[in-house]
Amino acid sequence: MTRKILILTALASELNAVDAPDGVEVIYTGVGKINAAATATAAILQRQPQLIINFGTAGKINPAVDGLLDIAGVIQRDMLAIPLAARGVTPLSDEPGRYASGHGNAVCGTGDSFVTTSDPWLVEQGVDVVDMELFAIAHTCHRYGVPWRAFKFITDSADDDAADHWNDNVHRGAALFWQALDRILAN
């Protein structure tokens, strides 16, 4: 029996569902952590997957990375409840402030903002790329005991030109992702 795999991605412009291999379902979450968490919860409860894979676009913080990255860990870059908790940590919660996929070596910082300027905190945390959905998906998977993976395609340098570069490159990572998925399915 094959594993039931769901691909969660924010937008159809990032990944076209008709290109998915047989037995793999693509679900669009919409942009942001609330949309991603709500969609991931419904997908887990309704479809009971054995694996959720998030594919999406990202801005790069680490100038040494490029292309498609297999994400090892994710933090929440915009949880800012100081003095109740340090930046990135949800106050008064026992849930992790960082989630690990068990794959890859890149770190993603998730937040409900499109990053267009440098942020020293991200560099201090070892963040390679930034997105707007992964932390919510990883958190939901953790809560329901579903393994997750994530692949992020770098579209921009999280700078003043990020929006223009994202628009130009949003569609360029899909073919690389499908190739990575083929390798996962072959194992």
N, C-alpha and C. Protein backbone atom coordinates (compact mmCIF):
# COMPACT_ATOMS: atom_id res chain seq x y z
N MET A 1 0.84 -1.18 0.00
CA MET A 1 0.00 0.00 0.00
C MET A 1 0.88 1.25 0.00
N THR A 2 0.55 2.23 -0.79
CA THR A 2 1.33 3.46 -0.85
C THR A 2 0.87 4.42 0.24
N ARG A 3 1.80 5.31 0.60
CA ARG A 3 1.48 6.33 1.60
C ARG A 3 0.53 7.36 1.01
N LYS A 4 -0.35 7.88 1.83
CA LYS A 4 -1.21 8.97 1.39
C LYS A 4 -0.46 10.27 1.66
N ILE A 5 -0.10 10.96 0.58
CA ILE A 5 0.68 12.19 0.68
C ILE A 5 -0.16 13.36 0.22
N LEU A 6 -0.16 14.41 1.02
CA LEU A 6 -0.81 15.66 0.64
C LEU A 6 0.26 16.72 0.46
N ILE A 7 0.11 17.50 -0.60
CA ILE A 7 0.98 18.65 -0.83
C ILE A 7 0.18 19.88 -0.46
N LEU A 8 0.69 20.68 0.47
CA LEU A 8 0.04 21.95 0.82
C LEU A 8 0.90 23.06 0.25
N THR A 9 0.28 23.93 -0.52
CA THR A 9 0.95 25.09 -1.08
C THR A 9 -0.02 26.26 -1.04
N ALA A 10 0.49 27.45 -0.95
CA ALA A 10 -0.38 28.61 -0.77
C ALA A 10 -1.21 28.91 -2.01
N LEU A 11 -0.58 28.92 -3.17
CA LEU A 11 -1.24 29.46 -4.37
C LEU A 11 -1.04 28.56 -5.59
N ALA A 12 -2.01 28.58 -6.47
CA ALA A 12 -1.89 27.85 -7.74
C ALA A 12 -0.75 28.39 -8.59
N SER A 13 -0.40 29.66 -8.42
CA SER A 13 0.71 30.22 -9.19
C SER A 13 2.05 29.62 -8.77
N GLU A 14 2.10 29.01 -7.58
CA GLU A 14 3.32 28.34 -7.11
C GLU A 14 3.40 26.90 -7.63
N LEU A 15 2.26 26.23 -7.71
CA LEU A 15 2.25 24.81 -8.06
C LEU A 15 0.90 24.46 -8.66
N ASN A 16 0.91 23.88 -9.86
CA ASN A 16 -0.32 23.51 -10.54
C ASN A 16 -0.70 22.08 -10.15
N ALA A 17 -1.87 21.91 -9.58
CA ALA A 17 -2.33 20.61 -9.09
C ALA A 17 -2.43 19.57 -10.20
N VAL A 18 -2.69 19.97 -11.42
CA VAL A 18 -2.85 18.99 -12.50
C VAL A 18 -1.54 18.27 -12.81
N ASP A 19 -0.41 18.82 -12.37
CA ASP A 19 0.89 18.19 -12.60
C ASP A 19 1.25 17.15 -11.56
N ALA A 20 0.42 17.00 -10.53
CA ALA A 20 0.72 16.07 -9.44
C ALA A 20 0.67 14.63 -9.94
N PRO A 21 1.58 13.79 -9.45
CA PRO A 21 1.53 12.37 -9.81
C PRO A 21 0.28 11.70 -9.24
N ASP A 22 -0.08 10.58 -9.82
CA ASP A 22 -1.23 9.83 -9.33
C ASP A 22 -1.07 9.52 -7.85
N GLY A 23 -2.16 9.68 -7.12
CA GLY A 23 -2.15 9.36 -5.70
C GLY A 23 -1.67 10.48 -4.80
N VAL A 24 -1.25 11.61 -5.38
CA VAL A 24 -0.80 12.76 -4.60
C VAL A 24 -1.78 13.90 -4.82
N GLU A 25 -2.29 14.44 -3.74
CA GLU A 25 -3.27 15.52 -3.83
C GLU A 25 -2.62 16.84 -3.44
N VAL A 26 -2.89 17.87 -4.23
CA VAL A 26 -2.42 19.22 -3.94
C VAL A 26 -3.58 20.00 -3.36
N ILE A 27 -3.33 20.66 -2.24
CA ILE A 27 -4.35 21.49 -1.58
C ILE A 27 -3.79 22.89 -1.43
N TYR A 28 -4.57 23.89 -1.83
CA TYR A 28 -4.15 25.28 -1.71
C TYR A 28 -4.63 25.84 -0.38
N THR A 29 -3.68 26.43 0.35
CA THR A 29 -3.99 26.94 1.69
C THR A 29 -4.42 28.40 1.68
N GLY A 30 -3.98 29.17 0.68
CA GLY A 30 -4.07 30.61 0.76
C GLY A 30 -2.83 31.11 1.49
N VAL A 31 -2.65 32.41 1.49
CA VAL A 31 -1.45 33.03 2.05
C VAL A 31 -1.60 33.24 3.55
N GLY A 32 -0.53 32.98 4.28
CA GLY A 32 -0.47 33.32 5.70
C GLY A 32 -0.70 32.17 6.64
N LYS A 33 -0.33 32.41 7.90
CA LYS A 33 -0.36 31.37 8.92
C LYS A 33 -1.77 30.92 9.28
N ILE A 34 -2.72 31.82 9.35
CA ILE A 34 -4.09 31.41 9.72
C ILE A 34 -4.67 30.53 8.64
N ASN A 35 -4.55 30.94 7.39
CA ASN A 35 -5.05 30.11 6.29
C ASN A 35 -4.36 28.76 6.27
N ALA A 36 -3.04 28.75 6.46
CA ALA A 36 -2.29 27.50 6.42
C ALA A 36 -2.69 26.57 7.57
N ALA A 37 -2.85 27.11 8.77
CA ALA A 37 -3.23 26.27 9.91
C ALA A 37 -4.63 25.71 9.74
N ALA A 38 -5.56 26.53 9.31
CA ALA A 38 -6.94 26.06 9.12
C ALA A 38 -7.02 24.98 8.04
N THR A 39 -6.32 25.21 6.94
CA THR A 39 -6.34 24.24 5.85
C THR A 39 -5.63 22.95 6.24
N ALA A 40 -4.49 23.05 6.91
CA ALA A 40 -3.78 21.86 7.35
C ALA A 40 -4.61 21.04 8.33
N THR A 41 -5.29 21.71 9.25
CA THR A 41 -6.14 21.00 10.20
C THR A 41 -7.25 20.24 9.48
N ALA A 42 -7.95 20.93 8.59
CA ALA A 42 -9.04 20.27 7.86
C ALA A 42 -8.51 19.12 7.02
N ALA A 43 -7.37 19.30 6.38
CA ALA A 43 -6.80 18.25 5.53
C ALA A 43 -6.45 17.01 6.35
N ILE A 44 -5.85 17.22 7.52
CA ILE A 44 -5.48 16.09 8.38
C ILE A 44 -6.72 15.36 8.88
N LEU A 45 -7.71 16.10 9.34
CA LEU A 45 -8.90 15.48 9.90
C LEU A 45 -9.74 14.78 8.83
N GLN A 46 -9.83 15.36 7.65
CA GLN A 46 -10.68 14.80 6.59
C GLN A 46 -9.98 13.72 5.77
N ARG A 47 -8.67 13.88 5.52
CA ARG A 47 -7.99 12.98 4.58
C ARG A 47 -7.02 12.00 5.25
N GLN A 48 -6.67 12.25 6.49
CA GLN A 48 -5.79 11.38 7.27
C GLN A 48 -4.52 10.96 6.51
N PRO A 49 -3.71 11.92 6.12
CA PRO A 49 -2.50 11.60 5.36
C PRO A 49 -1.44 10.96 6.25
N GLN A 50 -0.52 10.24 5.60
CA GLN A 50 0.64 9.71 6.30
C GLN A 50 1.80 10.70 6.24
N LEU A 51 1.73 11.66 5.32
CA LEU A 51 2.78 12.66 5.16
C LEU A 51 2.19 13.91 4.53
N ILE A 52 2.57 15.06 5.07
CA ILE A 52 2.23 16.34 4.45
C ILE A 52 3.53 16.97 4.00
N ILE A 53 3.52 17.43 2.76
CA ILE A 53 4.67 18.15 2.21
C ILE A 53 4.22 19.55 1.86
N ASN A 54 4.92 20.53 2.38
CA ASN A 54 4.66 21.92 2.02
C ASN A 54 5.65 22.33 0.94
N PHE A 55 5.13 22.85 -0.14
CA PHE A 55 5.97 23.47 -1.16
C PHE A 55 5.57 24.92 -1.26
N GLY A 56 6.55 25.79 -1.36
CA GLY A 56 6.24 27.19 -1.52
C GLY A 56 7.47 27.99 -1.91
N THR A 57 7.22 29.25 -2.07
CA THR A 57 8.28 30.19 -2.43
C THR A 57 8.82 30.83 -1.16
N ALA A 58 10.02 31.39 -1.28
CA ALA A 58 10.65 31.99 -0.11
C ALA A 58 11.62 33.08 -0.54
N GLY A 59 11.81 34.01 0.37
CA GLY A 59 12.86 35.01 0.21
C GLY A 59 14.09 34.52 0.95
N LYS A 60 15.27 34.78 0.39
CA LYS A 60 16.47 34.29 1.06
C LYS A 60 17.07 35.34 1.98
N ILE A 61 17.47 34.86 3.14
CA ILE A 61 18.18 35.66 4.13
C ILE A 61 19.66 35.34 4.03
N ASN A 62 19.96 34.06 3.87
CA ASN A 62 21.33 33.59 3.74
C ASN A 62 21.76 33.74 2.27
N PRO A 63 22.73 34.60 1.98
CA PRO A 63 23.12 34.82 0.59
C PRO A 63 23.75 33.60 -0.08
N ALA A 64 24.14 32.59 0.70
CA ALA A 64 24.80 31.41 0.14
C ALA A 64 23.83 30.36 -0.40
N VAL A 65 22.53 30.53 -0.16
CA VAL A 65 21.56 29.53 -0.63
C VAL A 65 20.86 30.02 -1.89
N ASP A 66 20.39 29.04 -2.68
CA ASP A 66 19.70 29.37 -3.92
C ASP A 66 18.92 28.15 -4.39
N GLY A 67 17.98 28.37 -5.27
CA GLY A 67 17.23 27.26 -5.87
C GLY A 67 16.19 26.68 -4.94
N LEU A 68 16.06 25.33 -5.00
CA LEU A 68 15.09 24.60 -4.19
C LEU A 68 15.79 24.04 -2.95
N LEU A 69 15.24 24.34 -1.78
CA LEU A 69 15.82 23.88 -0.52
C LEU A 69 14.90 22.89 0.17
N ASP A 70 15.49 21.85 0.72
CA ASP A 70 14.79 20.90 1.58
C ASP A 70 14.92 21.47 3.00
N ILE A 71 13.82 21.78 3.62
CA ILE A 71 13.82 22.51 4.89
C ILE A 71 13.94 21.55 6.08
N ALA A 72 14.94 21.78 6.91
CA ALA A 72 15.19 20.96 8.10
C ALA A 72 14.38 21.44 9.30
N GLY A 73 14.22 22.76 9.43
CA GLY A 73 13.54 23.29 10.60
C GLY A 73 12.87 24.60 10.30
N VAL A 74 11.93 24.96 11.17
CA VAL A 74 11.18 26.20 10.97
C VAL A 74 10.92 26.86 12.32
N ILE A 75 11.03 28.19 12.32
CA ILE A 75 10.69 28.99 13.49
C ILE A 75 9.65 30.03 13.08
N GLN A 76 9.06 30.63 14.09
CA GLN A 76 8.05 31.66 13.87
C GLN A 76 8.74 33.02 14.06
N ARG A 77 8.92 33.74 12.97
CA ARG A 77 9.71 34.98 13.01
C ARG A 77 8.92 36.18 13.49
N ASP A 78 7.62 36.11 13.51
CA ASP A 78 6.84 37.30 13.87
C ASP A 78 6.07 37.18 15.18
N MET A 79 6.30 36.12 15.95
CA MET A 79 5.70 36.07 17.28
C MET A 79 6.53 36.98 18.17
N LEU A 80 5.93 38.08 18.56
CA LEU A 80 6.65 39.10 19.30
C LEU A 80 5.82 39.53 20.51
N ALA A 81 5.97 38.78 21.59
CA ALA A 81 5.19 39.02 22.81
C ALA A 81 6.09 39.35 23.99
N ILE A 82 7.18 40.03 23.70
CA ILE A 82 8.10 40.47 24.76
C ILE A 82 7.34 41.43 25.66
N PRO A 83 7.35 41.31 26.96
CA PRO A 83 8.26 40.56 27.83
C PRO A 83 7.73 39.20 28.25
N LEU A 84 6.59 38.75 27.72
CA LEU A 84 6.05 37.46 28.14
C LEU A 84 6.87 36.28 27.64
N ALA A 85 7.53 36.46 26.50
CA ALA A 85 8.37 35.40 25.92
C ALA A 85 9.34 36.05 24.95
N ALA A 86 10.41 35.36 24.67
CA ALA A 86 11.39 35.85 23.70
C ALA A 86 10.76 35.89 22.31
N ARG A 87 11.33 36.69 21.44
CA ARG A 87 10.84 36.74 20.06
C ARG A 87 10.87 35.34 19.47
N GLY A 88 9.81 34.99 18.75
CA GLY A 88 9.71 33.69 18.11
C GLY A 88 9.05 32.63 18.97
N VAL A 89 8.81 32.93 20.24
CA VAL A 89 8.23 31.96 21.17
C VAL A 89 6.81 32.40 21.53
N THR A 90 5.87 31.47 21.41
CA THR A 90 4.49 31.76 21.80
C THR A 90 4.43 31.78 23.32
N PRO A 91 3.98 32.90 23.91
CA PRO A 91 3.96 32.97 25.38
C PRO A 91 2.93 32.02 25.97
N LEU A 92 3.23 31.56 27.18
CA LEU A 92 2.31 30.75 27.98
C LEU A 92 1.88 29.49 27.24
N SER A 93 2.79 28.91 26.45
CA SER A 93 2.50 27.71 25.67
C SER A 93 3.60 26.68 25.91
N ASP A 94 3.19 25.42 25.97
CA ASP A 94 4.16 24.34 26.12
C ASP A 94 4.60 23.78 24.77
N GLU A 95 4.05 24.27 23.69
CA GLU A 95 4.38 23.73 22.37
C GLU A 95 5.73 24.28 21.90
N PRO A 96 6.42 23.52 21.06
CA PRO A 96 7.76 23.92 20.61
C PRO A 96 7.77 25.27 19.89
N GLY A 97 8.88 25.95 19.99
CA GLY A 97 9.08 27.19 19.25
C GLY A 97 9.82 26.94 17.94
N ARG A 98 10.22 25.69 17.73
CA ARG A 98 10.92 25.29 16.50
C ARG A 98 10.50 23.86 16.19
N TYR A 99 10.26 23.60 14.92
CA TYR A 99 9.89 22.25 14.48
C TYR A 99 10.94 21.75 13.49
N ALA A 100 11.25 20.46 13.59
CA ALA A 100 12.23 19.84 12.71
C ALA A 100 11.55 18.80 11.83
N SER A 101 11.92 18.78 10.56
CA SER A 101 11.33 17.82 9.61
C SER A 101 12.07 16.49 9.61
N GLY A 102 13.33 16.50 10.02
CA GLY A 102 14.15 15.31 9.93
C GLY A 102 14.81 15.14 8.57
N HIS A 103 14.71 16.17 7.74
CA HIS A 103 15.27 16.14 6.38
C HIS A 103 15.92 17.49 6.10
N GLY A 104 16.78 17.51 5.10
CA GLY A 104 17.36 18.77 4.65
C GLY A 104 18.29 19.41 5.65
N ASN A 105 18.69 20.66 5.35
CA ASN A 105 19.57 21.37 6.27
C ASN A 105 19.30 22.87 6.33
N ALA A 106 18.25 23.34 5.68
CA ALA A 106 17.93 24.77 5.69
C ALA A 106 16.91 25.08 6.78
N VAL A 107 16.97 26.31 7.28
CA VAL A 107 16.03 26.78 8.29
C VAL A 107 15.15 27.88 7.69
N CYS A 108 13.86 27.78 7.95
CA CYS A 108 12.87 28.74 7.44
C CYS A 108 12.30 29.52 8.62
N GLY A 109 12.07 30.80 8.40
CA GLY A 109 11.40 31.65 9.37
C GLY A 109 10.06 32.08 8.80
N THR A 110 8.97 31.70 9.46
CA THR A 110 7.62 31.98 8.97
C THR A 110 7.03 33.18 9.68
N GLY A 111 6.33 34.01 8.93
CA GLY A 111 5.62 35.14 9.50
C GLY A 111 4.60 35.69 8.54
N ASP A 112 3.66 36.44 9.08
CA ASP A 112 2.61 37.04 8.28
C ASP A 112 3.01 38.41 7.74
N SER A 113 4.20 38.46 7.17
CA SER A 113 4.65 39.67 6.49
C SER A 113 5.56 39.26 5.35
N PHE A 114 5.57 40.08 4.32
CA PHE A 114 6.45 39.86 3.17
C PHE A 114 7.73 40.61 3.47
N VAL A 115 8.84 39.90 3.61
CA VAL A 115 10.08 40.50 4.06
C VAL A 115 10.76 41.26 2.92
N THR A 116 11.03 42.55 3.18
CA THR A 116 11.65 43.42 2.18
C THR A 116 12.84 44.20 2.73
N THR A 117 13.26 43.83 3.93
CA THR A 117 14.38 44.53 4.54
C THR A 117 15.14 43.58 5.45
N SER A 118 16.40 43.87 5.70
CA SER A 118 17.20 42.99 6.54
C SER A 118 16.70 43.01 7.98
N ASP A 119 16.89 41.89 8.66
CA ASP A 119 16.48 41.74 10.05
C ASP A 119 17.59 40.94 10.75
N PRO A 120 18.43 41.59 11.53
CA PRO A 120 19.54 40.90 12.19
C PRO A 120 19.12 39.70 13.03
N TRP A 121 17.92 39.74 13.60
CA TRP A 121 17.44 38.62 14.41
C TRP A 121 17.37 37.35 13.58
N LEU A 122 16.93 37.45 12.34
CA LEU A 122 16.84 36.27 11.46
C LEU A 122 18.21 35.66 11.24
N VAL A 123 19.21 36.50 11.04
CA VAL A 123 20.58 36.01 10.85
C VAL A 123 21.07 35.34 12.13
N GLU A 124 20.80 35.95 13.29
CA GLU A 124 21.21 35.38 14.57
C GLU A 124 20.59 34.01 14.81
N GLN A 125 19.38 33.79 14.30
CA GLN A 125 18.69 32.52 14.49
C GLN A 125 19.10 31.47 13.46
N GLY A 126 19.95 31.84 12.52
CA GLY A 126 20.38 30.91 11.49
C GLY A 126 19.35 30.66 10.41
N VAL A 127 18.44 31.61 10.22
CA VAL A 127 17.39 31.47 9.21
C VAL A 127 18.00 31.65 7.82
N ASP A 128 17.71 30.69 6.96
CA ASP A 128 18.16 30.75 5.57
C ASP A 128 17.15 31.43 4.67
N VAL A 129 15.86 31.12 4.88
CA VAL A 129 14.79 31.66 4.04
C VAL A 129 13.60 32.04 4.89
N VAL A 130 12.74 32.89 4.31
CA VAL A 130 11.51 33.30 4.99
C VAL A 130 10.31 32.99 4.11
N ASP A 131 9.22 32.59 4.77
CA ASP A 131 7.97 32.32 4.07
C ASP A 131 6.81 32.81 4.94
N MET A 132 5.59 32.41 4.56
CA MET A 132 4.41 32.87 5.28
C MET A 132 3.48 31.75 5.74
N GLU A 133 3.86 30.46 5.55
CA GLU A 133 2.96 29.37 5.91
C GLU A 133 3.57 28.22 6.70
N LEU A 134 4.84 27.92 6.51
CA LEU A 134 5.38 26.65 7.00
C LEU A 134 5.25 26.43 8.50
N PHE A 135 5.53 27.42 9.33
CA PHE A 135 5.44 27.19 10.78
C PHE A 135 4.05 26.71 11.17
N ALA A 136 3.02 27.30 10.59
CA ALA A 136 1.65 26.91 10.91
C ALA A 136 1.37 25.48 10.48
N ILE A 137 1.89 25.08 9.33
CA ILE A 137 1.70 23.71 8.85
C ILE A 137 2.46 22.73 9.74
N ALA A 138 3.71 23.04 10.06
CA ALA A 138 4.50 22.16 10.93
C ALA A 138 3.88 22.05 12.32
N HIS A 139 3.39 23.16 12.84
CA HIS A 139 2.73 23.16 14.15
C HIS A 139 1.50 22.26 14.13
N THR A 140 0.69 22.37 13.10
CA THR A 140 -0.51 21.55 12.98
C THR A 140 -0.15 20.08 12.83
N CYS A 141 0.85 19.78 12.02
CA CYS A 141 1.30 18.39 11.88
C CYS A 141 1.78 17.83 13.22
N HIS A 142 2.54 18.63 13.95
CA HIS A 142 3.01 18.21 15.28
C HIS A 142 1.82 17.90 16.19
N ARG A 143 0.86 18.78 16.18
CA ARG A 143 -0.30 18.64 17.06
C ARG A 143 -1.08 17.35 16.76
N TYR A 144 -1.14 16.96 15.47
CA TYR A 144 -1.92 15.79 15.07
C TYR A 144 -1.05 14.56 14.79
N GLY A 145 0.25 14.66 15.03
CA GLY A 145 1.12 13.50 14.87
C GLY A 145 1.36 13.07 13.43
N VAL A 146 1.35 14.01 12.50
CA VAL A 146 1.57 13.71 11.09
C VAL A 146 2.97 14.19 10.68
N PRO A 147 3.79 13.31 10.12
CA PRO A 147 5.10 13.75 9.64
C PRO A 147 4.96 14.80 8.54
N TRP A 148 5.96 15.68 8.47
CA TRP A 148 5.94 16.73 7.45
C TRP A 148 7.33 16.90 6.85
N ARG A 149 7.30 17.44 5.65
CA ARG A 149 8.51 17.88 4.96
C ARG A 149 8.17 19.20 4.30
N ALA A 150 9.20 19.92 3.92
CA ALA A 150 8.96 21.18 3.21
C ALA A 150 10.08 21.45 2.23
N PHE A 151 9.69 22.00 1.10
CA PHE A 151 10.62 22.44 0.08
C PHE A 151 10.28 23.88 -0.25
N LYS A 152 11.28 24.73 -0.25
CA LYS A 152 11.09 26.15 -0.56
C LYS A 152 11.96 26.52 -1.75
N PHE A 153 11.33 27.19 -2.70
CA PHE A 153 12.05 27.69 -3.87
C PHE A 153 12.31 29.18 -3.66
N ILE A 154 13.56 29.56 -3.76
CA ILE A 154 13.93 30.96 -3.53
C ILE A 154 13.57 31.80 -4.75
N THR A 155 12.72 32.78 -4.51
CA THR A 155 12.28 33.67 -5.58
C THR A 155 12.91 35.05 -5.50
N ASP A 156 13.40 35.41 -4.32
CA ASP A 156 13.87 36.78 -4.12
C ASP A 156 14.86 36.84 -2.98
N SER A 157 15.44 38.02 -2.79
CA SER A 157 16.44 38.23 -1.74
C SER A 157 15.90 38.97 -0.53
N ALA A 158 14.57 38.96 -0.33
CA ALA A 158 13.96 39.61 0.83
C ALA A 158 14.49 41.04 1.00
N ASP A 159 14.43 41.79 -0.09
CA ASP A 159 14.93 43.17 -0.08
C ASP A 159 13.91 44.10 -0.75
N ASP A 160 14.33 45.30 -1.08
CA ASP A 160 13.43 46.27 -1.69
C ASP A 160 12.80 45.79 -2.99
N ASP A 161 13.46 44.88 -3.69
CA ASP A 161 12.96 44.38 -4.97
C ASP A 161 12.22 43.05 -4.83
N ALA A 162 11.98 42.62 -3.61
CA ALA A 162 11.42 41.29 -3.37
C ALA A 162 10.09 41.06 -4.07
N ALA A 163 9.18 42.01 -4.02
CA ALA A 163 7.86 41.80 -4.63
C ALA A 163 7.97 41.62 -6.14
N ASP A 164 8.77 42.45 -6.79
CA ASP A 164 8.96 42.31 -8.24
C ASP A 164 9.62 40.98 -8.58
N HIS A 165 10.66 40.62 -7.84
CA HIS A 165 11.35 39.36 -8.11
C HIS A 165 10.45 38.16 -7.82
N TRP A 166 9.64 38.23 -6.76
CA TRP A 166 8.71 37.15 -6.46
C TRP A 166 7.73 36.97 -7.63
N ASN A 167 7.17 38.07 -8.10
CA ASN A 167 6.23 37.99 -9.23
C ASN A 167 6.89 37.38 -10.47
N ASP A 168 8.13 37.71 -10.71
CA ASP A 168 8.85 37.18 -11.88
C ASP A 168 9.19 35.70 -11.73
N ASN A 169 9.37 35.23 -10.50
CA ASN A 169 9.93 33.89 -10.28
C ASN A 169 9.00 32.89 -9.60
N VAL A 170 7.81 33.30 -9.21
CA VAL A 170 6.91 32.46 -8.42
C VAL A 170 6.67 31.09 -9.07
N HIS A 171 6.63 31.04 -10.37
CA HIS A 171 6.31 29.80 -11.09
C HIS A 171 7.53 28.92 -11.40
N ARG A 172 8.72 29.40 -11.14
CA ARG A 172 9.94 28.72 -11.58
C ARG A 172 10.34 27.49 -10.75
N GLY A 173 9.82 27.34 -9.56
CA GLY A 173 10.25 26.24 -8.70
C GLY A 173 9.46 24.95 -8.86
N ALA A 174 8.32 24.99 -9.52
CA ALA A 174 7.43 23.83 -9.60
C ALA A 174 8.13 22.61 -10.20
N ALA A 175 8.81 22.76 -11.31
CA ALA A 175 9.46 21.61 -11.96
C ALA A 175 10.50 20.98 -11.03
N LEU A 176 11.26 21.82 -10.32
CA LEU A 176 12.25 21.30 -9.38
C LEU A 176 11.58 20.53 -8.24
N PHE A 177 10.46 21.05 -7.78
CA PHE A 177 9.73 20.37 -6.71
C PHE A 177 9.21 19.02 -7.17
N TRP A 178 8.62 18.96 -8.36
CA TRP A 178 8.09 17.68 -8.84
C TRP A 178 9.21 16.65 -8.96
N GLN A 179 10.40 17.08 -9.36
CA GLN A 179 11.55 16.17 -9.43
C GLN A 179 11.92 15.65 -8.03
N ALA A 180 11.92 16.55 -7.05
CA ALA A 180 12.21 16.14 -5.67
C ALA A 180 11.15 15.17 -5.16
N LEU A 181 9.89 15.43 -5.48
CA LEU A 181 8.82 14.54 -5.07
C LEU A 181 8.97 13.16 -5.71
N ASP A 182 9.36 13.12 -6.97
CA ASP A 182 9.60 11.82 -7.63
C ASP A 182 10.63 11.01 -6.86
N ARG A 183 11.68 11.65 -6.36
CA ARG A 183 12.71 10.95 -5.59
C ARG A 183 12.15 10.44 -4.26
N ILE A 184 11.29 11.23 -3.64
CA ILE A 184 10.66 10.80 -2.38
C ILE A 184 9.76 9.59 -2.64
N LEU A 185 8.98 9.64 -3.69
CA LEU A 185 8.05 8.55 -4.00
C LEU A 185 8.77 7.27 -4.39
N ALA A 186 9.97 7.41 -4.96
CA ALA A 186 10.75 6.25 -5.36
C ALA A 186 11.34 5.49 -4.17
N ASN A 187 11.42 6.15 -3.01
CA ASN A 187 12.00 5.51 -1.81
C ASN A 187 10.95 4.84 -0.96
